[in-house]
C-alpha atoms as a PDB file:
ATOM      1  CA  MET A   1      81.782 -70.143  66.094  1.00  0.00           C
ATOM      2  CA  GLN A   2      81.889 -66.654  65.083  1.00  0.00           C
ATOM      3  CA  MET A   3      81.625 -64.164  68.453  1.00  0.00           C
ATOM      4  CA  ASP A   4      79.351 -61.282  68.052  1.00  0.00           C
ATOM      5  CA  ILE A   5      81.677 -58.647  70.275  1.00  0.00           C
ATOM      6  CA  ARG A   6      78.300 -56.132  70.699  1.00  0.00           C
ATOM      7  CA  LYS A   7      76.166 -58.762  71.702  1.00  0.00           C
ATOM      8  CA  VAL A   8      78.693 -59.850  74.272  1.00  0.00           C
ATOM      9  CA  LEU A   9      79.419 -56.204  75.575  1.00  0.00           C
ATOM     10  CA  GLU A  10      75.339 -55.406  75.491  1.00  0.00           C
ATOM     11  CA  PHE A  11      74.842 -59.028  77.571  1.00  0.00           C
ATOM     12  CA  VAL A  12      77.795 -57.995  79.969  1.00  0.00           C
ATOM     13  CA  ASP A  13      76.555 -54.490  80.221  1.00  0.00           C
ATOM     14  CA  ASN A  14      72.884 -55.444  81.140  1.00  0.00           C
ATOM     15  CA  ALA A  15      73.722 -57.927  83.371  1.00  0.00           C
ATOM     16  CA  LEU A  16      75.919 -55.844  85.446  1.00  0.00           C
ATOM     17  CA  TYR A  17      73.516 -53.061  85.027  1.00  0.00           C
ATOM     18  CA  ASP A  18      70.848 -55.395  86.508  1.00  0.00           C
ATOM     19  CA  LYS A  19      73.301 -56.389  89.336  1.00  0.00           C
ATOM     20  CA  THR A  20      74.793 -53.438  90.241  1.00  0.00           C
ATOM     21  CA  GLY A  21      72.986 -50.339  88.757  1.00  0.00           C
ATOM     22  CA  LYS A  22      75.788 -49.325  86.731  1.00  0.00           C
ATOM     23  CA  HIS A  23      76.714 -49.319  83.200  1.00  0.00           C
ATOM     24  CA  LEU A  24      79.860 -50.172  81.623  1.00  0.00           C
ATOM     25  CA  ASN A  25      81.783 -47.429  80.638  1.00  0.00           C
ATOM     26  CA  ASP A  26      83.829 -46.812  77.109  1.00  0.00           C
ATOM     27  CA  LEU A  27      87.422 -48.348  79.067  1.00  0.00           C
ATOM     28  CA  GLN A  28      85.625 -51.449  80.406  1.00  0.00           C
ATOM     29  CA  ARG A  29      83.805 -52.426  76.767  1.00  0.00           C
ATOM     30  CA  ALA A  30      87.485 -51.856  75.524  1.00  0.00           C
ATOM     31  CA  ILE A  31      88.826 -54.353  78.267  1.00  0.00           C
ATOM     32  CA  ILE A  32      86.219 -56.858  77.550  1.00  0.00           C
ATOM     33  CA  GLU A  33      86.472 -56.601  73.812  1.00  0.00           C
ATOM     34  CA  GLY A  34      90.618 -56.924  74.382  1.00  0.00           C
ATOM     35  CA  MET A  35      90.590 -59.756  76.727  1.00  0.00           C
ATOM     36  CA  LEU A  36      88.164 -61.571  74.625  1.00  0.00           C
ATOM     37  CA  LYS A  37      90.606 -60.873  71.639  1.00  0.00           C
ATOM     38  CA  ARG A  38      93.464 -62.231  73.778  1.00  0.00           C
ATOM     39  CA  GLN A  39      95.160 -58.625  73.813  1.00  0.00           C
ATOM     40  CA  LYS A  40      97.486 -58.140  76.547  1.00  0.00           C
ATOM     41  CA  TYR A  41      96.934 -54.835  78.487  1.00  0.00           C
ATOM     42  CA  SER A  42      99.350 -53.085  76.969  1.00  0.00           C
ATOM     43  CA  GLU A  43      97.691 -53.571  73.973  1.00  0.00           C
ATOM     44  CA  ILE A  44      94.845 -52.348  74.869  1.00  0.00           C
ATOM     45  CA  ALA A  45      96.569 -49.436  76.616  1.00  0.00           C
ATOM     46  CA  ASP A  46      98.193 -48.370  73.533  1.00  0.00           C
ATOM     47  CA  ASN A  47      94.925 -48.472  71.202  1.00  0.00           C
ATOM     48  CA  TYR A  48      93.229 -45.498  73.597  1.00  0.00           C
ATOM     49  CA  ARG A  49      96.321 -44.007  74.614  1.00  0.00           C
ATOM     50  CA  LEU A  50      96.020 -44.715  78.207  1.00  0.00           C
ATOM     51  CA  THR A  51      98.836 -46.127  80.709  1.00  0.00           C
ATOM     52  CA  GLU A  52      99.111 -50.045  81.150  1.00  0.00           C
ATOM     53  CA  GLY A  53      99.035 -49.929  84.613  1.00  0.00           C
ATOM     54  CA  HIS A  54      95.632 -47.883  84.370  1.00  0.00           C
ATOM     55  CA  VAL A  55      94.172 -49.935  82.082  1.00  0.00           C
ATOM     56  CA  LYS A  56      94.917 -53.209  84.188  1.00  0.00           C
ATOM     57  CA  ASP A  57      93.749 -51.371  87.460  1.00  0.00           C
ATOM     58  CA  VAL A  58      90.364 -51.095  85.342  1.00  0.00           C
ATOM     59  CA  GLY A  59      90.551 -54.386  84.456  1.00  0.00           C
ATOM     60  CA  TYR A  60      90.694 -55.901  87.717  1.00  0.00           C
ATOM     61  CA  GLU A  61      87.857 -53.760  89.285  1.00  0.00           C
ATOM     62  CA  LEU A  62      86.000 -54.898  86.186  1.00  0.00           C
ATOM     63  CA  LEU A  63      86.630 -58.457  87.225  1.00  0.00           C
ATOM     64  CA  GLN A  64      85.781 -58.025  90.629  1.00  0.00           C
ATOM     65  CA  MET A  65      82.599 -56.656  89.553  1.00  0.00           C
ATOM     66  CA  LEU A  66      81.834 -59.824  87.344  1.00  0.00           C
ATOM     67  CA  SER A  67      83.317 -62.184  89.787  1.00  0.00           C
ATOM     68  CA  ASP A  68      80.784 -60.302  92.681  1.00  0.00           C
ATOM     69  CA  ALA A  69      77.829 -59.921  90.636  1.00  0.00           C
ATOM     70  CA  PHE A  70      77.732 -63.915  89.185  1.00  0.00           C
ATOM     71  CA  GLY A  71      79.034 -65.214  92.619  1.00  0.00           C
ATOM     72  CA  GLU A  72      81.962 -66.996  90.546  1.00  0.00           C
ATOM     73  CA  ALA A  73      85.751 -66.107  90.123  1.00  0.00           C
ATOM     74  CA  VAL A  74      86.410 -64.346  86.773  1.00  0.00           C
ATOM     75  CA  ASP A  75      90.109 -63.595  85.248  1.00  0.00           C
ATOM     76  CA  LYS A  76      90.906 -62.567  82.240  1.00  0.00           C
ATOM     77  CA  GLY A  77      92.219 -65.992  81.394  1.00  0.00           C
ATOM     78  CA  ASN A  78      88.512 -67.737  82.109  1.00  0.00           C
ATOM     79  CA  LEU A  79      86.797 -64.536  80.831  1.00  0.00           C
ATOM     80  CA  LYS A  80      85.469 -66.261  77.429  1.00  0.00           C
ATOM     81  CA  SER A  81      84.459 -69.426  78.977  1.00  0.00           C
ATOM     82  CA  PHE A  82      82.515 -67.835  82.192  1.00  0.00           C
ATOM     83  CA  LEU A  83      80.292 -65.948  79.239  1.00  0.00           C
ATOM     84  CA  GLU A  84      79.865 -68.896  77.398  1.00  0.00           C
ATOM     85  CA  ARG A  85      78.518 -70.487  80.609  1.00  0.00           C
ATOM     86  CA  GLN A  86      76.498 -67.281  81.461  1.00  0.00           C
ATOM     87  CA  GLY A  87      74.439 -66.836  78.095  1.00  0.00           C
ATOM     88  CA  ASN A  88      76.076 -68.870  75.306  1.00  0.00           C
ATOM     89  CA  LEU A  89      72.990 -68.425  73.123  1.00  0.00           C
ATOM     90  CA  ASN A  90      72.761 -65.036  72.087  1.00  0.00           C
ATOM     91  CA  ILE A  91      76.334 -64.060  72.591  1.00  0.00           C
ATOM     92  CA  TRP A  92      78.074 -66.667  70.415  1.00  0.00           C
ATOM     93  CA  GLY A  93      75.176 -66.742  67.355  1.00  0.00           C
ATOM     94  CA  ASN A  94      73.035 -69.233  68.138  1.00  0.00           C
ATOM     95  CA  THR A  95      69.501 -69.472  67.659  1.00  0.00           C
ATOM     96  CA  PHE A  96      66.734 -68.979  70.474  1.00  0.00           C
ATOM     97  CA  GLY A  97      64.711 -71.741  70.548  1.00  0.00           C
ATOM     98  CA  ASN A  98      62.854 -74.104  73.418  1.00  0.00           C
ATOM     99  CA  SER A  99      65.452 -76.627  73.405  1.00  0.00           C
ATOM    100  CA  ASN A 100      68.100 -73.589  74.473  1.00  0.00           C
ATOM    101  CA  ILE A 101      66.016 -72.747  77.267  1.00  0.00           C
ATOM    102  CA  ILE A 102      68.120 -73.858  79.599  1.00  0.00           C
ATOM    103  CA  GLY A 103      71.302 -71.956  78.572  1.00  0.00           C
ATOM    104  CA  TYR A 104      68.827 -69.153  77.803  1.00  0.00           C
ATOM    105  CA  ILE A 105      68.110 -68.973  81.765  1.00  0.00           C
ATOM    106  CA  ASN A 106      71.815 -68.035  82.648  1.00  0.00           C
ATOM    107  CA  VAL A 107      71.269 -64.706  80.905  1.00  0.00           C
ATOM    108  CA  CYS A 108      68.634 -63.654  83.220  1.00  0.00           C
ATOM    109  CA  SER A 109      69.392 -60.885  86.245  1.00  0.00           C
ATOM    110  CA  ASP A 110      68.472 -60.436  89.332  1.00  0.00           C
ATOM    111  CA  LYS A 111      66.494 -57.324  88.520  1.00  0.00           C
ATOM    112  CA  PRO A 112      63.056 -58.028  87.681  1.00  0.00           C
ATOM    113  CA  THR A 113      61.787 -56.877  84.069  1.00  0.00           C
ATOM    114  CA  ALA A 114      59.578 -54.245  83.636  1.00  0.00           C
ATOM    115  CA  THR A 115      56.901 -53.922  81.114  1.00  0.00           C
ATOM    116  CA  PRO A 116      57.895 -51.586  78.650  1.00  0.00           C
ATOM    117  CA  ASP A 117      56.268 -48.404  79.476  1.00  0.00           C
ATOM    118  CA  GLU A 118      57.645 -48.654  83.081  1.00  0.00           C
ATOM    119  CA  SER A 119      61.544 -49.287  81.756  1.00  0.00           C
ATOM    120  CA  GLN A 120      63.809 -47.345  79.872  1.00  0.00           C
ATOM    121  CA  GLY A 121      60.860 -46.508  77.453  1.00  0.00           C
ATOM    122  CA  LYS A 122      61.531 -49.048  74.482  1.00  0.00           C
ATOM    123  CA  THR A 123      61.913 -52.660  75.368  1.00  0.00           C
ATOM    124  CA  SER A 124      64.012 -54.688  72.782  1.00  0.00           C
ATOM    125  CA  ASP A 125      62.797 -58.033  71.338  1.00  0.00           C
ATOM    126  CA  PHE A 126      65.870 -59.370  73.052  1.00  0.00           C
ATOM    127  CA  GLU A 127      64.643 -58.537  76.680  1.00  0.00           C
ATOM    128  CA  GLN A 128      60.940 -59.155  75.626  1.00  0.00           C
ATOM    129  CA  ALA A 129      62.020 -62.926  74.836  1.00  0.00           C
ATOM    130  CA  LYS A 130      64.286 -63.115  78.043  1.00  0.00           C
ATOM    131  CA  TYR A 131      61.519 -62.052  80.056  1.00  0.00           C
ATOM    132  CA  GLN A 132      59.130 -64.294  78.511  1.00  0.00           C
ATOM    133  CA  ALA A 133      61.586 -67.158  78.738  1.00  0.00           C
ATOM    134  CA  LYS A 134      62.004 -66.644  82.711  1.00  0.00           C
ATOM    135  CA  ILE A 135      58.021 -66.459  83.050  1.00  0.00           C
ATOM    136  CA  GLU A 136      57.484 -69.520  80.951  1.00  0.00           C
ATOM    137  CA  MET A 137      59.957 -71.583  83.328  1.00  0.00           C
ATOM    138  CA  VAL A 138      58.525 -70.601  86.465  1.00  0.00           C
ATOM    139  CA  GLY A 139      55.784 -73.222  85.684  1.00  0.00           C
ATOM    140  CA  LYS A 140      58.374 -76.148  84.817  1.00  0.00           C
ATOM    141  CA  LEU A 141      60.909 -75.190  87.841  1.00  0.00           C
ATOM    142  CA  ARG A 142      57.758 -75.553  89.885  1.00  0.00           C
ATOM    143  CA  GLN A 143      56.918 -79.260  88.611  1.00  0.00           C
ATOM    144  CA  ILE A 144      60.578 -80.253  89.390  1.00  0.00           C
ATOM    145  CA  GLY A 145      59.631 -79.166  93.387  1.00  0.00           C
ATOM    146  CA  LEU A 146      61.821 -75.847  93.510  1.00  0.00           C
ATOM    147  CA  SER A 147      60.100 -73.223  95.779  1.00  0.00           C
ATOM    148  CA  ASN A 148      58.970 -69.530  95.078  1.00  0.00           C
ATOM    149  CA  GLU A 149      61.951 -68.239  96.587  1.00  0.00           C
ATOM    150  CA  GLN A 150      64.300 -70.607  94.659  1.00  0.00           C
ATOM    151  CA  ILE A 151      62.562 -69.998  91.258  1.00  0.00           C
ATOM    152  CA  ALA A 152      62.912 -66.099  92.049  1.00  0.00           C
ATOM    153  CA  ASP A 153      66.628 -66.606  92.648  1.00  0.00           C
ATOM    154  CA  THR A 154      67.139 -69.248  89.716  1.00  0.00           C
ATOM    155  CA  LEU A 155      65.585 -67.021  87.217  1.00  0.00           C
ATOM    156  CA  GLY A 156      66.465 -63.306  88.302  1.00  0.00           C
ATOM    157  CA  LEU A 157      63.288 -62.111  88.769  1.00  0.00           C
ATOM    158  CA  ALA A 158      60.965 -60.709  91.856  1.00  0.00           C
ATOM    159  CA  LEU A 159      59.498 -63.182  94.351  1.00  0.00           C
ATOM    160  CA  GLU A 160      56.313 -61.272  93.760  1.00  0.00           C
ATOM    161  CA  LYS A 161      56.452 -61.584  89.984  1.00  0.00           C
ATOM    162  CA  VAL A 162      56.786 -65.413  90.600  1.00  0.00           C
ATOM    163  CA  LYS A 163      53.911 -65.662  93.137  1.00  0.00           C
ATOM    164  CA  GLN A 164      51.963 -63.615  90.337  1.00  0.00           C
ATOM    165  CA  VAL A 165      52.780 -65.898  87.738  1.00  0.00           C
ATOM    166  CA  ASP A 166      51.648 -68.826  90.088  1.00  0.00           C
ATOM    167  CA  SER A 167      48.348 -66.881  90.973  1.00  0.00           C
ATOM    168  CA  ASP A 168      47.741 -66.194  87.003  1.00  0.00           C
ATOM    169  CA  SER A 169      48.146 -69.661  85.887  1.00  0.00           C
ATOM    170  CA  GLU A 170      45.925 -70.727  88.613  1.00  0.00           C
ATOM    171  CA  GLY A 171      42.760 -68.260  87.932  1.00  0.00           C
END
């Protein structure tokens, strides 16, 4: 399956921003792309005219950020499989559909998604679909017995948003 590097980088950038408040810089993007292409740090360094040591240091910090943000050990060797588990639907070119909803949940962030005029000014169709998928899952997760706190944690929504969905569906 053909990997869309641009979508991978967008996913990682959004996920890290949602979890840390920081966007990826150009070097971090280059390191992720290089790792996914199985490049050595020396090759990445050569492409960007940096020292191998600097690229290794930034790569190590980046992998630590991913590990901390997702609560899973991420290293150069498992980055691709880690990303596949996190959001294989849209990153690896599959189409979004109801049959893929569980995999789609893994793409969710800890930061509640704002309405378009509250967020960065313009919310992409992808972000809207992601948010809508989260909202639709609240009722399904409630049916299998998850608490509001568990649902909020699983979907990466604020607890108040989960409670709001419950009250909206009751009224």
